[in-house]
Amino acid sequence: MKKLKKWVINILVFYAVIQLLFLFLRHVVFGLIDVPEPYELIVQLAASGITVLLALLITVYLTNGNGDA
């Protein structure tokens, strides 16, 4: 039960962090930066990948990823 509780907390924290980062990415970064048409999809995919990795790192940091529940 303790392990399930830890997983649920980690998933909820990850979901909240990724939503905040995607909101920031959409409104601030892509709202202010104009990317040429042929490279727009590449930049969006790279930014999304970086955002997911950053969300994972922040989740580990916030949930004290050493396994303590």
Protein backbone atom coordinates (compact mmCIF):
# COMPACT_ATOMS: atom_id res chain seq x y z
CA MET A 1 0.00 0.00 0.00
CA LYS A 2 2.87 2.33 0.80
CA LYS A 3 4.41 1.73 -2.62
CA LEU A 4 1.10 2.45 -4.37
CA LYS A 5 0.74 5.69 -2.39
CA LYS A 6 4.25 6.72 -3.47
CA TRP A 7 3.46 6.02 -7.13
CA VAL A 8 0.19 7.96 -7.01
CA ILE A 9 1.91 10.96 -5.43
CA ASN A 10 4.70 10.85 -8.01
CA ILE A 11 2.23 10.66 -10.90
CA LEU A 12 0.14 13.54 -9.57
CA VAL A 13 3.21 15.73 -9.00
CA PHE A 14 4.52 14.90 -12.49
CA TYR A 15 1.15 15.72 -14.04
CA ALA A 16 0.93 19.06 -12.25
CA VAL A 17 4.50 20.03 -13.13
CA ILE A 18 4.15 19.07 -16.78
CA GLN A 19 0.91 21.02 -17.09
CA LEU A 20 2.57 24.13 -15.65
CA LEU A 21 5.58 23.78 -17.93
CA PHE A 22 3.44 23.26 -21.03
CA LEU A 23 1.38 26.31 -20.10
CA PHE A 24 4.57 28.33 -19.76
CA LEU A 25 5.88 26.91 -23.04
CA ARG A 26 2.71 27.68 -24.96
CA HIS A 27 2.03 31.21 -23.72
CA VAL A 28 5.46 32.61 -23.07
CA VAL A 29 7.90 30.84 -25.37
CA PHE A 30 5.77 30.24 -28.47
CA GLY A 31 3.79 33.41 -27.89
CA LEU A 32 6.92 35.56 -28.03
CA ILE A 33 9.19 33.65 -30.41
CA ASP A 34 8.42 33.47 -34.11
CA VAL A 35 9.89 30.36 -35.75
CA PRO A 36 10.15 30.02 -39.55
CA GLU A 37 7.57 27.65 -41.05
CA PRO A 38 9.81 24.70 -42.08
CA TYR A 39 11.37 24.48 -38.60
CA GLU A 40 8.28 25.07 -36.48
CA LEU A 41 7.44 21.39 -35.93
CA ILE A 42 11.05 20.49 -35.13
CA VAL A 43 11.28 23.28 -32.55
CA GLN A 44 7.94 22.27 -31.01
CA LEU A 45 9.00 18.61 -30.72
CA ALA A 46 12.35 19.51 -29.21
CA ALA A 47 10.73 21.90 -26.73
CA SER A 48 8.16 19.26 -25.76
CA GLY A 49 10.88 16.67 -25.19
CA ILE A 50 12.91 19.06 -23.06
CA THR A 51 9.76 19.94 -21.12
CA VAL A 52 9.02 16.28 -20.35
CA LEU A 53 12.60 15.68 -19.19
CA LEU A 54 12.52 18.81 -17.06
CA ALA A 55 9.20 17.74 -15.53
CA LEU A 56 10.68 14.34 -14.65
CA LEU A 57 13.69 15.96 -12.99
CA ILE A 58 11.53 18.39 -11.03
CA THR A 59 9.24 15.54 -9.95
CA VAL A 60 12.18 13.54 -8.63
CA TYR A 61 13.48 16.58 -6.78
CA LEU A 62 10.09 17.48 -5.28
CA THR A 63 9.21 13.96 -4.20
CA ASN A 64 12.67 13.30 -2.77
CA GLY A 65 13.32 10.46 -5.20
CA ASN A 66 15.36 8.32 -2.79
CA GLY A 67 12.42 5.95 -2.23
CA ASP A 68 11.17 7.26 1.13
CA ALA A 69 7.39 7.32 1.28
